Amino acid sequence: MRIFQYTKTAKNMNILVPIVLMVGLMLWACYGLWNGENMMLSKLVLYTMPVLLASSFIGLHHPTRVTVTDEAIVFSAFGRNHSYRWDELTFIHLRNYRYVGKSFIRLGKPQILGGRYWLTNDLAGYNELIALLEQKSKEGEAQ
């Protein structure tokens, strides 16, 4: 079993700060509407931020820890886990954005919440994990 996780600083900067900003924007929009300002931007923010926050917590699009075993891969964040057994995975798609230091991982059949994950190069063992996923992806294409 191999565990890949962010350092505390990287976790705060990559995961918690964006969530705090989303909550701040939502509070700003509520305040603006409460004061009688009829700004379209406030309405847009008020409608979209809850959806983005829900997808962050339920969809785990930015996991804080990835656990890889011989049987499965598990993405974890906020006390929740998304687990995928290797023998049940029919689809693994990996897109590297090396210039910005991120990778997009798409696993399994399409789902509204789950199956799509972003990892940054701040993850301890990032290159090893990406290499493993690329290998698994090629194995899946060969079958």
N, C-alpha and C. Protein backbone atom coordinates (compact mmCIF):
# COMPACT_ATOMS: atom_id res chain seq x y z
N MET A 1 0.85 -1.17 0.00
CA MET A 1 0.00 0.00 0.00
C MET A 1 0.89 1.23 0.00
N ARG A 2 0.50 2.21 -0.82
CA ARG A 2 1.25 3.45 -0.93
C ARG A 2 0.27 4.61 -0.74
N ILE A 3 0.63 5.58 0.12
CA ILE A 3 -0.23 6.72 0.40
C ILE A 3 0.47 7.98 -0.13
N PHE A 4 -0.25 8.73 -0.96
CA PHE A 4 0.22 9.99 -1.50
C PHE A 4 -0.63 11.08 -0.88
N GLN A 5 0.00 12.07 -0.24
CA GLN A 5 -0.79 13.14 0.35
C GLN A 5 -0.02 14.45 0.31
N TYR A 6 -0.78 15.52 0.47
CA TYR A 6 -0.21 16.86 0.45
C TYR A 6 0.37 17.20 1.82
N THR A 7 1.36 18.07 1.81
CA THR A 7 1.84 18.63 3.07
C THR A 7 0.75 19.59 3.57
N LYS A 8 0.83 19.97 4.80
CA LYS A 8 -0.19 20.84 5.39
C LYS A 8 -0.27 22.17 4.64
N THR A 9 0.88 22.75 4.30
CA THR A 9 0.90 24.02 3.58
C THR A 9 0.27 23.89 2.20
N ALA A 10 0.65 22.83 1.48
CA ALA A 10 0.10 22.62 0.14
C ALA A 10 -1.41 22.37 0.19
N LYS A 11 -1.85 21.61 1.20
CA LYS A 11 -3.28 21.34 1.36
C LYS A 11 -4.04 22.64 1.60
N ASN A 12 -3.49 23.49 2.44
CA ASN A 12 -4.15 24.77 2.72
C ASN A 12 -4.22 25.64 1.47
N MET A 13 -3.14 25.73 0.73
CA MET A 13 -3.10 26.61 -0.44
C MET A 13 -3.91 26.06 -1.61
N ASN A 14 -3.90 24.77 -1.83
CA ASN A 14 -4.56 24.19 -3.00
C ASN A 14 -6.02 23.83 -2.78
N ILE A 15 -6.42 23.60 -1.54
CA ILE A 15 -7.77 23.09 -1.29
C ILE A 15 -8.57 24.02 -0.38
N LEU A 16 -8.01 24.39 0.76
CA LEU A 16 -8.78 25.18 1.72
C LEU A 16 -8.93 26.65 1.34
N VAL A 17 -7.90 27.27 0.79
CA VAL A 17 -7.99 28.68 0.40
C VAL A 17 -9.06 28.90 -0.67
N PRO A 18 -9.13 28.07 -1.74
CA PRO A 18 -10.22 28.26 -2.70
C PRO A 18 -11.61 28.11 -2.08
N ILE A 19 -11.77 27.21 -1.13
CA ILE A 19 -13.07 27.04 -0.47
C ILE A 19 -13.41 28.27 0.36
N VAL A 20 -12.42 28.81 1.08
CA VAL A 20 -12.64 30.02 1.86
C VAL A 20 -13.01 31.18 0.93
N LEU A 21 -12.36 31.27 -0.23
CA LEU A 21 -12.70 32.32 -1.19
C LEU A 21 -14.12 32.15 -1.72
N MET A 22 -14.54 30.92 -1.99
CA MET A 22 -15.91 30.68 -2.46
C MET A 22 -16.93 31.09 -1.40
N VAL A 23 -16.66 30.74 -0.15
CA VAL A 23 -17.56 31.13 0.94
C VAL A 23 -17.58 32.66 1.09
N GLY A 24 -16.42 33.30 0.97
CA GLY A 24 -16.36 34.75 1.05
C GLY A 24 -17.14 35.42 -0.07
N LEU A 25 -17.02 34.91 -1.28
CA LEU A 25 -17.79 35.46 -2.40
C LEU A 25 -19.29 35.29 -2.18
N MET A 26 -19.67 34.14 -1.63
CA MET A 26 -21.08 33.90 -1.38
C MET A 26 -21.60 34.87 -0.31
N LEU A 27 -20.83 35.11 0.73
CA LEU A 27 -21.24 36.07 1.77
C LEU A 27 -21.32 37.49 1.21
N TRP A 28 -20.35 37.85 0.34
CA TRP A 28 -20.38 39.16 -0.31
C TRP A 28 -21.64 39.33 -1.14
N ALA A 29 -22.02 38.29 -1.88
CA ALA A 29 -23.23 38.35 -2.71
C ALA A 29 -24.48 38.49 -1.83
N CYS A 30 -24.53 37.74 -0.74
CA CYS A 30 -25.68 37.85 0.18
C CYS A 30 -25.77 39.25 0.77
N TYR A 31 -24.63 39.79 1.17
CA TYR A 31 -24.60 41.15 1.73
C TYR A 31 -25.09 42.17 0.71
N GLY A 32 -24.62 42.04 -0.54
CA GLY A 32 -25.04 42.96 -1.58
C GLY A 32 -26.53 42.90 -1.85
N LEU A 33 -27.07 41.73 -1.89
CA LEU A 33 -28.51 41.58 -2.13
C LEU A 33 -29.32 42.03 -0.91
N TRP A 34 -28.79 41.81 0.28
CA TRP A 34 -29.46 42.22 1.51
C TRP A 34 -29.60 43.74 1.57
N ASN A 35 -28.58 44.44 1.08
CA ASN A 35 -28.60 45.90 1.08
C ASN A 35 -29.43 46.49 -0.06
N GLY A 36 -30.06 45.66 -0.83
CA GLY A 36 -30.93 46.15 -1.88
C GLY A 36 -30.26 46.38 -3.21
N GLU A 37 -28.98 46.06 -3.31
CA GLU A 37 -28.30 46.19 -4.59
C GLU A 37 -28.80 45.07 -5.50
N ASN A 38 -29.21 45.42 -6.68
CA ASN A 38 -29.75 44.43 -7.59
C ASN A 38 -28.70 44.13 -8.68
N MET A 39 -27.54 43.71 -8.24
CA MET A 39 -26.46 43.44 -9.18
C MET A 39 -26.59 42.02 -9.72
N MET A 40 -26.45 41.90 -11.03
CA MET A 40 -26.53 40.59 -11.66
C MET A 40 -25.36 39.70 -11.20
N LEU A 41 -24.21 40.32 -10.96
CA LEU A 41 -23.05 39.55 -10.51
C LEU A 41 -23.33 38.91 -9.15
N SER A 42 -23.97 39.63 -8.26
CA SER A 42 -24.30 39.07 -6.94
C SER A 42 -25.23 37.88 -7.08
N LYS A 43 -26.21 38.00 -7.96
CA LYS A 43 -27.14 36.90 -8.18
C LYS A 43 -26.43 35.69 -8.77
N LEU A 44 -25.57 35.95 -9.74
CA LEU A 44 -24.83 34.86 -10.37
C LEU A 44 -23.96 34.13 -9.34
N VAL A 45 -23.26 34.91 -8.51
CA VAL A 45 -22.40 34.31 -7.48
C VAL A 45 -23.24 33.52 -6.49
N LEU A 46 -24.37 34.06 -6.11
CA LEU A 46 -25.23 33.39 -5.13
C LEU A 46 -25.80 32.08 -5.66
N TYR A 47 -26.02 32.00 -6.95
CA TYR A 47 -26.53 30.77 -7.54
C TYR A 47 -25.44 29.74 -7.81
N THR A 48 -24.25 30.20 -8.17
CA THR A 48 -23.20 29.24 -8.56
C THR A 48 -22.34 28.75 -7.40
N MET A 49 -22.08 29.57 -6.41
CA MET A 49 -21.18 29.16 -5.34
C MET A 49 -21.67 27.94 -4.55
N PRO A 50 -22.96 27.84 -4.22
CA PRO A 50 -23.39 26.61 -3.52
C PRO A 50 -23.15 25.35 -4.35
N VAL A 51 -23.31 25.46 -5.65
CA VAL A 51 -23.06 24.30 -6.53
C VAL A 51 -21.59 23.94 -6.51
N LEU A 52 -20.72 24.94 -6.61
CA LEU A 52 -19.28 24.69 -6.59
C LEU A 52 -18.83 24.15 -5.23
N LEU A 53 -19.39 24.68 -4.16
CA LEU A 53 -19.04 24.18 -2.83
C LEU A 53 -19.50 22.73 -2.65
N ALA A 54 -20.71 22.42 -3.11
CA ALA A 54 -21.22 21.05 -3.00
C ALA A 54 -20.35 20.09 -3.81
N SER A 55 -19.95 20.51 -5.00
CA SER A 55 -19.11 19.62 -5.80
C SER A 55 -17.74 19.43 -5.17
N SER A 56 -17.25 20.45 -4.46
CA SER A 56 -15.95 20.32 -3.78
C SER A 56 -16.03 19.31 -2.64
N PHE A 57 -17.12 19.36 -1.87
CA PHE A 57 -17.24 18.47 -0.71
C PHE A 57 -17.75 17.09 -1.08
N ILE A 58 -18.70 17.00 -1.98
CA ILE A 58 -19.28 15.70 -2.33
C ILE A 58 -18.48 15.02 -3.43
N GLY A 59 -18.09 15.78 -4.45
CA GLY A 59 -17.37 15.20 -5.57
C GLY A 59 -15.90 14.95 -5.33
N LEU A 60 -15.34 15.55 -4.30
CA LEU A 60 -13.92 15.41 -3.96
C LEU A 60 -13.02 15.66 -5.16
N HIS A 61 -13.30 16.72 -5.91
CA HIS A 61 -12.52 16.99 -7.11
C HIS A 61 -11.06 17.32 -6.82
N HIS A 62 -10.79 17.71 -5.59
CA HIS A 62 -9.41 18.00 -5.17
C HIS A 62 -9.10 17.18 -3.92
N PRO A 63 -8.76 15.90 -4.09
CA PRO A 63 -8.51 15.06 -2.91
C PRO A 63 -7.24 15.49 -2.17
N THR A 64 -7.24 15.27 -0.86
CA THR A 64 -6.07 15.59 -0.05
C THR A 64 -5.15 14.39 0.10
N ARG A 65 -5.68 13.19 -0.16
CA ARG A 65 -4.87 11.97 -0.03
C ARG A 65 -5.33 10.95 -1.07
N VAL A 66 -4.37 10.24 -1.64
CA VAL A 66 -4.65 9.16 -2.58
C VAL A 66 -3.94 7.92 -2.05
N THR A 67 -4.70 6.85 -1.85
CA THR A 67 -4.14 5.59 -1.37
C THR A 67 -4.23 4.57 -2.48
N VAL A 68 -3.09 3.95 -2.79
CA VAL A 68 -3.04 2.95 -3.85
C VAL A 68 -2.63 1.62 -3.24
N THR A 69 -3.46 0.60 -3.49
CA THR A 69 -3.13 -0.77 -3.08
C THR A 69 -3.14 -1.64 -4.33
N ASP A 70 -2.84 -2.91 -4.16
CA ASP A 70 -2.89 -3.84 -5.29
C ASP A 70 -4.32 -4.04 -5.78
N GLU A 71 -5.30 -3.84 -4.90
CA GLU A 71 -6.70 -4.08 -5.25
C GLU A 71 -7.44 -2.84 -5.70
N ALA A 72 -7.06 -1.63 -5.20
CA ALA A 72 -7.89 -0.45 -5.44
C ALA A 72 -7.09 0.84 -5.34
N ILE A 73 -7.74 1.91 -5.75
CA ILE A 73 -7.23 3.27 -5.55
C ILE A 73 -8.34 4.04 -4.83
N VAL A 74 -7.94 4.80 -3.80
CA VAL A 74 -8.91 5.52 -2.97
C VAL A 74 -8.51 6.99 -2.92
N PHE A 75 -9.48 7.87 -3.27
CA PHE A 75 -9.30 9.31 -3.17
C PHE A 75 -10.02 9.79 -1.93
N SER A 76 -9.35 10.58 -1.09
CA SER A 76 -9.93 11.00 0.19
C SER A 76 -9.79 12.50 0.40
N ALA A 77 -10.85 13.07 1.01
CA ALA A 77 -10.83 14.47 1.45
C ALA A 77 -12.06 14.72 2.29
N PHE A 78 -11.96 15.64 3.24
CA PHE A 78 -13.09 16.05 4.08
C PHE A 78 -13.78 14.87 4.76
N GLY A 79 -13.02 13.85 5.12
CA GLY A 79 -13.59 12.69 5.81
C GLY A 79 -14.38 11.76 4.91
N ARG A 80 -14.30 11.96 3.60
CA ARG A 80 -15.01 11.12 2.63
C ARG A 80 -14.00 10.38 1.76
N ASN A 81 -14.42 9.23 1.22
CA ASN A 81 -13.56 8.43 0.35
C ASN A 81 -14.31 8.03 -0.91
N HIS A 82 -13.61 8.06 -2.02
CA HIS A 82 -14.11 7.48 -3.26
C HIS A 82 -13.14 6.35 -3.63
N SER A 83 -13.65 5.14 -3.69
CA SER A 83 -12.81 3.97 -3.92
C SER A 83 -13.13 3.34 -5.26
N TYR A 84 -12.09 2.92 -5.98
CA TYR A 84 -12.23 2.25 -7.27
C TYR A 84 -11.36 1.00 -7.28
N ARG A 85 -11.98 -0.13 -7.51
CA ARG A 85 -11.22 -1.38 -7.61
C ARG A 85 -10.58 -1.46 -8.99
N TRP A 86 -9.32 -1.86 -9.06
CA TRP A 86 -8.62 -1.93 -10.33
C TRP A 86 -9.31 -2.89 -11.30
N ASP A 87 -9.78 -4.02 -10.78
CA ASP A 87 -10.39 -5.01 -11.67
C ASP A 87 -11.76 -4.56 -12.20
N GLU A 88 -12.38 -3.57 -11.57
CA GLU A 88 -13.68 -3.06 -12.02
C GLU A 88 -13.57 -1.80 -12.87
N LEU A 89 -12.40 -1.18 -12.88
CA LEU A 89 -12.22 0.05 -13.65
C LEU A 89 -12.14 -0.28 -15.15
N THR A 90 -13.04 0.31 -15.90
CA THR A 90 -13.04 0.08 -17.35
C THR A 90 -12.46 1.26 -18.10
N PHE A 91 -12.27 2.38 -17.42
CA PHE A 91 -11.83 3.59 -18.10
C PHE A 91 -10.94 4.41 -17.18
N ILE A 92 -9.76 4.72 -17.65
CA ILE A 92 -8.85 5.64 -16.94
C ILE A 92 -8.32 6.62 -17.97
N HIS A 93 -8.61 7.88 -17.76
CA HIS A 93 -8.11 8.93 -18.66
C HIS A 93 -7.28 9.90 -17.84
N LEU A 94 -6.10 10.21 -18.33
CA LEU A 94 -5.19 11.08 -17.62
C LEU A 94 -4.76 12.20 -18.56
N ARG A 95 -4.91 13.42 -18.12
CA ARG A 95 -4.47 14.57 -18.91
C ARG A 95 -3.53 15.40 -18.05
N ASN A 96 -2.30 15.52 -18.51
CA ASN A 96 -1.28 16.28 -17.77
C ASN A 96 -1.22 17.71 -18.28
N TYR A 97 -1.21 18.63 -17.36
CA TYR A 97 -0.98 20.03 -17.67
C TYR A 97 0.34 20.40 -17.00
N ARG A 98 1.41 19.97 -17.60
CA ARG A 98 2.74 20.10 -16.99
C ARG A 98 3.12 21.57 -16.77
N TYR A 99 2.68 22.45 -17.66
CA TYR A 99 3.04 23.86 -17.55
C TYR A 99 2.54 24.47 -16.25
N VAL A 100 1.34 24.06 -15.81
CA VAL A 100 0.79 24.60 -14.57
C VAL A 100 0.97 23.64 -13.39
N GLY A 101 1.49 22.44 -13.66
CA GLY A 101 1.77 21.50 -12.58
C GLY A 101 0.56 20.77 -12.05
N LYS A 102 -0.42 20.49 -12.93
CA LYS A 102 -1.62 19.78 -12.52
C LYS A 102 -1.90 18.63 -13.46
N SER A 103 -2.67 17.68 -12.96
CA SER A 103 -3.15 16.57 -13.78
C SER A 103 -4.62 16.36 -13.50
N PHE A 104 -5.36 16.05 -14.56
CA PHE A 104 -6.78 15.74 -14.46
C PHE A 104 -6.94 14.25 -14.66
N ILE A 105 -7.61 13.60 -13.73
CA ILE A 105 -7.80 12.15 -13.78
C ILE A 105 -9.29 11.86 -13.88
N ARG A 106 -9.65 11.03 -14.85
CA ARG A 106 -11.05 10.64 -15.05
C ARG A 106 -11.11 9.13 -14.92
N LEU A 107 -11.90 8.62 -13.97
CA LEU A 107 -11.98 7.19 -13.69
C LEU A 107 -13.40 6.67 -13.84
N GLY A 108 -13.52 5.48 -14.39
CA GLY A 108 -14.80 4.78 -14.42
C GLY A 108 -15.84 5.41 -15.30
N LYS A 109 -17.05 4.89 -15.16
CA LYS A 109 -18.17 5.39 -15.95
C LYS A 109 -18.53 6.81 -15.53
N PRO A 110 -19.11 7.60 -16.44
CA PRO A 110 -19.45 8.99 -16.11
C PRO A 110 -20.42 9.10 -14.93
N GLN A 111 -20.09 10.01 -14.03
CA GLN A 111 -20.91 10.30 -12.85
C GLN A 111 -21.00 11.81 -12.69
N ILE A 112 -22.06 12.27 -12.08
CA ILE A 112 -22.19 13.71 -11.84
C ILE A 112 -21.20 14.14 -10.76
N LEU A 113 -21.17 13.43 -9.65
CA LEU A 113 -20.25 13.76 -8.57
C LEU A 113 -19.33 12.58 -8.33
N GLY A 114 -18.08 12.76 -8.64
CA GLY A 114 -17.10 11.69 -8.47
C GLY A 114 -16.55 11.24 -9.80
N GLY A 115 -15.40 10.61 -9.74
CA GLY A 115 -14.78 10.10 -10.95
C GLY A 115 -13.87 11.08 -11.65
N ARG A 116 -13.87 12.34 -11.23
CA ARG A 116 -13.01 13.36 -11.83
C ARG A 116 -12.20 14.01 -10.71
N TYR A 117 -10.88 13.98 -10.86
CA TYR A 117 -10.01 14.48 -9.79
C TYR A 117 -8.87 15.31 -10.37
N TRP A 118 -8.52 16.35 -9.65
CA TRP A 118 -7.38 17.19 -9.97
C TRP A 118 -6.29 16.95 -8.93
N LEU A 119 -5.09 16.73 -9.40
CA LEU A 119 -3.92 16.58 -8.52
C LEU A 119 -2.86 17.56 -8.96
N THR A 120 -2.17 18.16 -8.01
CA THR A 120 -1.09 19.07 -8.35
C THR A 120 0.25 18.42 -8.02
N ASN A 121 1.31 19.01 -8.57
CA ASN A 121 2.64 18.44 -8.34
C ASN A 121 3.13 18.67 -6.91
N ASP A 122 2.33 19.32 -6.07
CA ASP A 122 2.67 19.46 -4.64
C ASP A 122 2.40 18.18 -3.87
N LEU A 123 1.68 17.25 -4.47
CA LEU A 123 1.37 15.97 -3.84
C LEU A 123 2.66 15.16 -3.69
N ALA A 124 2.94 14.68 -2.49
CA ALA A 124 4.15 13.88 -2.26
C ALA A 124 4.05 12.60 -3.10
N GLY A 125 5.03 12.35 -3.96
CA GLY A 125 5.03 11.18 -4.82
C GLY A 125 4.20 11.36 -6.08
N TYR A 126 3.94 12.61 -6.45
CA TYR A 126 3.10 12.95 -7.60
C TYR A 126 3.55 12.23 -8.87
N ASN A 127 4.82 12.32 -9.20
CA ASN A 127 5.33 11.70 -10.44
C ASN A 127 5.14 10.19 -10.44
N GLU A 128 5.36 9.57 -9.30
CA GLU A 128 5.17 8.12 -9.18
C GLU A 128 3.70 7.74 -9.40
N LEU A 129 2.80 8.51 -8.81
CA LEU A 129 1.37 8.24 -8.95
C LEU A 129 0.92 8.43 -10.40
N ILE A 130 1.37 9.49 -11.05
CA ILE A 130 1.00 9.75 -12.44
C ILE A 130 1.53 8.64 -13.33
N ALA A 131 2.77 8.20 -13.09
CA ALA A 131 3.33 7.10 -13.87
C ALA A 131 2.52 5.82 -13.69
N LEU A 132 2.10 5.54 -12.47
CA LEU A 132 1.28 4.36 -12.20
C LEU A 132 -0.06 4.44 -12.94
N LEU A 133 -0.69 5.61 -12.89
CA LEU A 133 -1.98 5.78 -13.57
C LEU A 133 -1.83 5.70 -15.09
N GLU A 134 -0.73 6.23 -15.62
CA GLU A 134 -0.48 6.09 -17.06
C GLU A 134 -0.30 4.63 -17.44
N GLN A 135 0.41 3.87 -16.60
CA GLN A 135 0.60 2.45 -16.86
C GLN A 135 -0.73 1.71 -16.82
N LYS A 136 -1.56 1.99 -15.81
CA LYS A 136 -2.87 1.35 -15.70
C LYS A 136 -3.76 1.73 -16.89
N SER A 137 -3.65 2.96 -17.35
CA SER A 137 -4.44 3.41 -18.49
C SER A 137 -4.05 2.64 -19.75
N LYS A 138 -2.74 2.45 -19.95
CA LYS A 138 -2.27 1.70 -21.13
C LYS A 138 -2.65 0.24 -21.04
N GLU A 139 -2.63 -0.32 -19.83
CA GLU A 139 -3.07 -1.72 -19.64
C GLU A 139 -4.54 -1.87 -20.01
N GLY A 140 -5.35 -0.88 -19.63
CA GLY A 140 -6.76 -0.89 -19.94
C GLY A 140 -7.05 -0.79 -21.43
N GLU A 141 -6.21 0.00 -22.15
CA GLU A 141 -6.38 0.13 -23.58
C GLU A 141 -6.01 -1.16 -24.31
N ALA A 142 -5.05 -1.89 -23.75
CA ALA A 142 -4.59 -3.14 -24.37
C ALA A 142 -5.63 -4.25 -24.26
N GLN A 143 -6.50 -4.16 -23.26
CA GLN A 143 -7.47 -5.24 -23.05
C GLN A 143 -8.63 -5.15 -23.99
